[in-house]
Amino acid sequence: MRLKGKKIISLVHHEFEDLELWYPILRLKEEGAIVHLAGEKANETYIGKYGVPAVSDYAYGDISAAEYDAILVPGGWAPDKIRRFPEVIALIQEMEDSQKPIGQICHAGWVLISAKILQGRKVTSTPGIKDDMENAGAEWIDAPVVTDGHLVSSRRPPDLPDYMREFIKVLETK
C-alpha cells in the first residue's frame, strides 16, 4: 500500500463529473490512502452530471489544510460552484503555500484560477477553459497530464489513468 497513512481531501458540489470524482478516490483508496469529501455542507448528498451520488464527510469550512497531505478538485460544472466559497479559496492557497499536491482535472482549473495560484505554472485542462487558464498567467499544454512541482493537472475522463499515476507518484514524494 504505497499511500498508507496519507490523507487526501476531495472537493465536491452538484454536477461534478462522475468519473473525475470517483475514479481518483477509488484509486487512492486502493493505494491505502484515506480520502474525505468536503462539500458546501457536511453529510449532504451531491449528485453528479450523470446521476451518481456522493455524500460529503465535511463542510468546506470544517477542514484544515494542515490535516491533509493533498487535495483533489474534480471537473464537471461543480468547479464553478466550488470556487465561490472563500473557505475553498483559502484551502487551495494553503495547500499551495505548503507545497502539498494539488490535483485538478477538466474544469477544476476554475478553482485554481479563483485562488490565484496559476501565474507562471504549466498546466492542462479541458480545452474549453484554455483561455481562462492562460489569462490567469499559466502556460497551457495540450497533454493528458501535466505536472509542475506539486500541481498535477489533466484534461478529461479518458486521461484519468495517466492523471492518477502521476498524482500518486507526486504524493509518494511528499
C-alpha atoms as a PDB file:
ATOM      1  CA  MET A   1       0.000   0.000   0.000  1.00  0.00           C
ATOM      2  CA  ARG A   2       2.019   2.901  -1.368  1.00  0.00           C
ATOM      3  CA  LEU A   3      -0.085   5.638   0.251  1.00  0.00           C
ATOM      4  CA  LYS A   4      -0.851   4.092   3.650  1.00  0.00           C
ATOM      5  CA  GLY A   5      -1.411   6.875   6.173  1.00  0.00           C
ATOM      6  CA  LYS A   6      -1.806   9.641   3.575  1.00  0.00           C
ATOM      7  CA  LYS A   7      -4.930  11.790   3.922  1.00  0.00           C
ATOM      8  CA  ILE A   8      -6.497  13.460   0.898  1.00  0.00           C
ATOM      9  CA  ILE A   9      -9.435  15.839   0.727  1.00  0.00           C
ATOM     10  CA  SER A  10     -11.574  15.880  -2.397  1.00  0.00           C
ATOM     11  CA  LEU A  11     -13.956  18.739  -3.041  1.00  0.00           C
ATOM     12  CA  VAL A  12     -17.499  18.145  -4.246  1.00  0.00           C
ATOM     13  CA  HIS A  13     -20.616  20.035  -5.278  1.00  0.00           C
ATOM     14  CA  HIS A  14     -23.582  19.297  -7.520  1.00  0.00           C
ATOM     15  CA  GLU A  15     -22.930  18.464 -11.170  1.00  0.00           C
ATOM     16  CA  PHE A  16     -19.421  17.114 -10.630  1.00  0.00           C
ATOM     17  CA  GLU A  17     -18.105  14.944 -13.459  1.00  0.00           C
ATOM     18  CA  ASP A  18     -18.848  11.496 -12.042  1.00  0.00           C
ATOM     19  CA  LEU A  19     -15.693   9.725 -13.245  1.00  0.00           C
ATOM     20  CA  GLU A  20     -13.440  12.652 -12.342  1.00  0.00           C
ATOM     21  CA  LEU A  21     -14.617  12.484  -8.735  1.00  0.00           C
ATOM     22  CA  TRP A  22     -14.901   8.735  -8.194  1.00  0.00           C
ATOM     23  CA  TYR A  23     -12.009   7.290 -10.207  1.00  0.00           C
ATOM     24  CA  PRO A  24      -9.341   9.257  -8.240  1.00  0.00           C
ATOM     25  CA  ILE A  25     -10.994   8.480  -4.899  1.00  0.00           C
ATOM     26  CA  LEU A  26     -11.115   4.752  -5.623  1.00  0.00           C
ATOM     27  CA  ARG A  27      -7.529   4.653  -6.962  1.00  0.00           C
ATOM     28  CA  LEU A  28      -6.207   6.460  -3.886  1.00  0.00           C
ATOM     29  CA  LYS A  29      -8.111   4.121  -1.560  1.00  0.00           C
ATOM     30  CA  GLU A  30      -6.671   1.139  -3.436  1.00  0.00           C
ATOM     31  CA  GLU A  31      -3.227   2.504  -2.555  1.00  0.00           C
ATOM     32  CA  GLY A  32      -4.155   2.766   1.145  1.00  0.00           C
ATOM     33  CA  ALA A  33      -4.939   6.484   1.363  1.00  0.00           C
ATOM     34  CA  ILE A  34      -7.726   7.934   3.470  1.00  0.00           C
ATOM     35  CA  VAL A  35      -9.952  10.139   1.318  1.00  0.00           C
ATOM     36  CA  HIS A  36     -12.582  12.530   2.656  1.00  0.00           C
ATOM     37  CA  LEU A  37     -15.144  14.520   0.703  1.00  0.00           C
ATOM     38  CA  ALA A  38     -15.846  18.159   1.534  1.00  0.00           C
ATOM     39  CA  GLY A  39     -18.892  19.983   0.226  1.00  0.00           C
ATOM     40  CA  GLU A  40     -20.839  23.123   0.995  1.00  0.00           C
ATOM     41  CA  LYS A  41     -22.475  21.204   3.859  1.00  0.00           C
ATOM     42  CA  ALA A  42     -21.412  18.120   5.814  1.00  0.00           C
ATOM     43  CA  ASN A  43     -23.409  14.909   5.280  1.00  0.00           C
ATOM     44  CA  GLU A  44     -25.026  16.370   2.163  1.00  0.00           C
ATOM     45  CA  THR A  45     -25.748  14.262  -0.914  1.00  0.00           C
ATOM     46  CA  TYR A  46     -24.390  15.812  -4.108  1.00  0.00           C
ATOM     47  CA  ILE A  47     -25.424  14.471  -7.498  1.00  0.00           C
ATOM     48  CA  GLY A  48     -23.004  14.167 -10.405  1.00  0.00           C
ATOM     49  CA  LYS A  49     -23.731  15.139 -14.006  1.00  0.00           C
ATOM     50  CA  TYR A  50     -24.773  11.562 -14.771  1.00  0.00           C
ATOM     51  CA  GLY A  51     -26.675  10.917 -11.564  1.00  0.00           C
ATOM     52  CA  VAL A  52     -24.068   9.263  -9.359  1.00  0.00           C
ATOM     53  CA  PRO A  53     -24.385  10.496  -5.757  1.00  0.00           C
ATOM     54  CA  ALA A  54     -21.601  11.463  -3.358  1.00  0.00           C
ATOM     55  CA  VAL A  55     -22.090  12.258   0.328  1.00  0.00           C
ATOM     56  CA  SER A  56     -19.772  14.828   1.879  1.00  0.00           C
ATOM     57  CA  ASP A  57     -17.937  13.979   5.082  1.00  0.00           C
ATOM     58  CA  TYR A  58     -17.289  17.612   5.973  1.00  0.00           C
ATOM     59  CA  ALA A  59     -18.276  21.149   5.053  1.00  0.00           C
ATOM     60  CA  TYR A  60     -15.608  23.257   3.346  1.00  0.00           C
ATOM     61  CA  GLY A  61     -15.191  25.356   6.478  1.00  0.00           C
ATOM     62  CA  ASP A  62     -14.719  22.310   8.730  1.00  0.00           C
ATOM     63  CA  ILE A  63     -11.371  21.251   7.277  1.00  0.00           C
ATOM     64  CA  SER A  64      -7.829  22.478   7.608  1.00  0.00           C
ATOM     65  CA  ALA A  65      -5.026  22.107   5.082  1.00  0.00           C
ATOM     66  CA  ALA A  66      -2.726  21.115   7.941  1.00  0.00           C
ATOM     67  CA  GLU A  67      -4.732  17.893   8.426  1.00  0.00           C
ATOM     68  CA  TYR A  68      -4.285  16.701   4.823  1.00  0.00           C
ATOM     69  CA  ASP A  69      -1.443  15.630   2.575  1.00  0.00           C
ATOM     70  CA  ALA A  70      -3.137  16.588  -0.720  1.00  0.00           C
ATOM     71  CA  ILE A  71      -6.279  17.952  -2.332  1.00  0.00           C
ATOM     72  CA  LEU A  72      -8.280  16.948  -5.414  1.00  0.00           C
ATOM     73  CA  VAL A  73     -10.666  19.126  -7.391  1.00  0.00           C
ATOM     74  CA  PRO A  74     -12.970  17.260  -9.804  1.00  0.00           C
ATOM     75  CA  GLY A  75     -14.313  18.701 -13.025  1.00  0.00           C
ATOM     76  CA  GLY A  76     -17.781  18.971 -14.434  1.00  0.00           C
ATOM     77  CA  TRP A  77     -19.830  22.059 -13.620  1.00  0.00           C
ATOM     78  CA  ALA A  78     -19.130  21.753  -9.883  1.00  0.00           C
ATOM     79  CA  PRO A  79     -15.924  23.858 -10.003  1.00  0.00           C
ATOM     80  CA  ASP A  80     -17.945  26.927 -10.981  1.00  0.00           C
ATOM     81  CA  LYS A  81     -19.865  26.498  -7.717  1.00  0.00           C
ATOM     82  CA  ILE A  82     -16.915  25.362  -5.574  1.00  0.00           C
ATOM     83  CA  ARG A  83     -14.801  28.421  -6.381  1.00  0.00           C
ATOM     84  CA  ARG A  84     -17.405  30.764  -4.904  1.00  0.00           C
ATOM     85  CA  PHE A  85     -16.591  29.715  -1.333  1.00  0.00           C
ATOM     86  CA  PRO A  86     -13.881  31.755   0.432  1.00  0.00           C
ATOM     87  CA  GLU A  87     -13.066  28.706   2.593  1.00  0.00           C
ATOM     88  CA  VAL A  88     -12.185  26.722  -0.538  1.00  0.00           C
ATOM     89  CA  ILE A  89     -10.016  29.500  -1.936  1.00  0.00           C
ATOM     90  CA  ALA A  90      -8.167  29.739   1.391  1.00  0.00           C
ATOM     91  CA  LEU A  91      -7.748  25.940   1.481  1.00  0.00           C
ATOM     92  CA  ILE A  92      -6.276  25.830  -2.042  1.00  0.00           C
ATOM     93  CA  GLN A  93      -3.933  28.719  -1.207  1.00  0.00           C
ATOM     94  CA  GLU A  94      -2.785  26.986   1.991  1.00  0.00           C
ATOM     95  CA  MET A  95      -2.089  23.769   0.077  1.00  0.00           C
ATOM     96  CA  GLU A  96      -0.144  25.812  -2.470  1.00  0.00           C
ATOM     97  CA  ASP A  97       1.845  27.636   0.223  1.00  0.00           C
ATOM     98  CA  SER A  98       2.685  24.304   1.883  1.00  0.00           C
ATOM     99  CA  GLN A  99       3.645  22.751  -1.480  1.00  0.00           C
ATOM    100  CA  LYS A 100       1.176  19.910  -0.931  1.00  0.00           C
ATOM    101  CA  PRO A 101      -0.052  18.033  -4.013  1.00  0.00           C
ATOM    102  CA  ILE A 102      -2.996  19.688  -5.765  1.00  0.00           C
ATOM    103  CA  GLY A 103      -4.824  17.640  -8.389  1.00  0.00           C
ATOM    104  CA  GLN A 104      -7.188  19.261 -10.864  1.00  0.00           C
ATOM    105  CA  ILE A 105      -8.914  17.888 -13.932  1.00  0.00           C
ATOM    106  CA  CYS A 106     -11.106  19.321 -16.687  1.00  0.00           C
ATOM    107  CA  HIS A 107     -12.975  22.448 -15.461  1.00  0.00           C
ATOM    108  CA  ALA A 108     -11.361  22.213 -11.994  1.00  0.00           C
ATOM    109  CA  GLY A 109      -8.861  24.796 -13.213  1.00  0.00           C
ATOM    110  CA  TRP A 110     -11.514  27.420 -12.482  1.00  0.00           C
ATOM    111  CA  VAL A 111     -10.988  26.842  -8.746  1.00  0.00           C
ATOM    112  CA  LEU A 112      -7.228  27.333  -9.072  1.00  0.00           C
ATOM    113  CA  ILE A 113      -7.805  30.458 -11.182  1.00  0.00           C
ATOM    114  CA  SER A 114     -10.003  31.920  -8.438  1.00  0.00           C
ATOM    115  CA  ALA A 115      -7.315  31.011  -5.867  1.00  0.00           C
ATOM    116  CA  LYS A 116      -4.824  32.974  -7.997  1.00  0.00           C
ATOM    117  CA  ILE A 117      -2.125  30.275  -7.923  1.00  0.00           C
ATOM    118  CA  LEU A 118      -1.529  29.705 -11.649  1.00  0.00           C
ATOM    119  CA  GLN A 119       0.788  32.584 -12.541  1.00  0.00           C
ATOM    120  CA  GLY A 120       3.838  31.115 -14.290  1.00  0.00           C
ATOM    121  CA  ARG A 121       2.665  27.492 -13.872  1.00  0.00           C
ATOM    122  CA  LYS A 122       2.465  24.780 -16.539  1.00  0.00           C
ATOM    123  CA  VAL A 123      -0.994  23.183 -16.643  1.00  0.00           C
ATOM    124  CA  THR A 124      -3.578  21.463 -18.757  1.00  0.00           C
ATOM    125  CA  SER A 125      -7.376  21.326 -18.562  1.00  0.00           C
ATOM    126  CA  THR A 126     -10.314  20.772 -20.823  1.00  0.00           C
ATOM    127  CA  PRO A 127      -9.584  22.833 -23.941  1.00  0.00           C
ATOM    128  CA  GLY A 128     -12.799  24.763 -23.210  1.00  0.00           C
ATOM    129  CA  ILE A 129     -11.079  26.737 -20.429  1.00  0.00           C
ATOM    130  CA  LYS A 130      -7.659  27.063 -22.092  1.00  0.00           C
ATOM    131  CA  ASP A 131      -8.131  30.836 -22.472  1.00  0.00           C
ATOM    132  CA  ASP A 132      -9.154  31.154 -18.815  1.00  0.00           C
ATOM    133  CA  MET A 133      -6.022  29.289 -17.715  1.00  0.00           C
ATOM    134  CA  GLU A 134      -3.773  31.400 -19.929  1.00  0.00           C
ATOM    135  CA  ASN A 135      -5.452  34.627 -18.804  1.00  0.00           C
ATOM    136  CA  ALA A 136      -4.639  33.572 -15.220  1.00  0.00           C
ATOM    137  CA  GLY A 137      -0.958  33.504 -16.205  1.00  0.00           C
ATOM    138  CA  ALA A 138      -0.493  29.770 -16.802  1.00  0.00           C
ATOM    139  CA  GLU A 139       1.221  28.099 -19.714  1.00  0.00           C
ATOM    140  CA  TRP A 140      -1.419  25.716 -21.088  1.00  0.00           C
ATOM    141  CA  ILE A 141      -0.198  22.438 -22.593  1.00  0.00           C
ATOM    142  CA  ASP A 142      -2.414  20.016 -24.527  1.00  0.00           C
ATOM    143  CA  ALA A 143      -1.357  16.749 -22.866  1.00  0.00           C
ATOM    144  CA  PRO A 144      -3.122  14.001 -20.873  1.00  0.00           C
ATOM    145  CA  VAL A 145      -1.362  15.108 -17.685  1.00  0.00           C
ATOM    146  CA  VAL A 146       0.964  17.996 -16.811  1.00  0.00           C
ATOM    147  CA  THR A 147       2.974  18.103 -13.596  1.00  0.00           C
ATOM    148  CA  ASP A 148       4.531  21.333 -12.372  1.00  0.00           C
ATOM    149  CA  GLY A 149       6.074  20.636  -8.983  1.00  0.00           C
ATOM    150  CA  HIS A 150       3.233  19.642  -6.662  1.00  0.00           C
ATOM    151  CA  LEU A 151       0.496  20.702  -9.128  1.00  0.00           C
ATOM    152  CA  VAL A 152      -0.890  17.862 -11.257  1.00  0.00           C
ATOM    153  CA  SER A 153      -3.449  18.692 -13.937  1.00  0.00           C
ATOM    154  CA  SER A 154      -5.347  16.682 -16.501  1.00  0.00           C
ATOM    155  CA  ARG A 155      -7.812  17.252 -19.356  1.00  0.00           C
ATOM    156  CA  ARG A 156     -10.782  14.869 -19.194  1.00  0.00           C
ATOM    157  CA  PRO A 157     -12.017  11.348 -18.255  1.00  0.00           C
ATOM    158  CA  PRO A 158     -10.018   9.383 -20.882  1.00  0.00           C
ATOM    159  CA  ASP A 159      -6.851  10.810 -19.272  1.00  0.00           C
ATOM    160  CA  LEU A 160      -7.700   9.561 -15.756  1.00  0.00           C
ATOM    161  CA  PRO A 161      -5.199   6.644 -15.718  1.00  0.00           C
ATOM    162  CA  ASP A 162      -2.310   8.997 -16.646  1.00  0.00           C
ATOM    163  CA  TYR A 163      -3.557  11.610 -14.176  1.00  0.00           C
ATOM    164  CA  MET A 164      -3.737   9.237 -11.239  1.00  0.00           C
ATOM    165  CA  ARG A 165      -0.391   7.548 -11.982  1.00  0.00           C
ATOM    166  CA  GLU A 166       1.259  10.972 -11.875  1.00  0.00           C
ATOM    167  CA  PHE A 167      -0.712  12.257  -8.860  1.00  0.00           C
ATOM    168  CA  ILE A 168       0.167   9.127  -6.852  1.00  0.00           C
ATOM    169  CA  LYS A 169       3.841   9.487  -7.820  1.00  0.00           C
ATOM    170  CA  VAL A 170       3.870  13.133  -6.624  1.00  0.00           C
ATOM    171  CA  LEU A 171       2.005  12.230  -3.429  1.00  0.00           C
ATOM    172  CA  GLU A 172       4.525   9.457  -2.657  1.00  0.00           C
ATOM    173  CA  THR A 173       7.350  12.007  -2.593  1.00  0.00           C
ATOM    174  CA  LYS A 174       5.637  14.390  -0.136  1.00  0.00           C
END
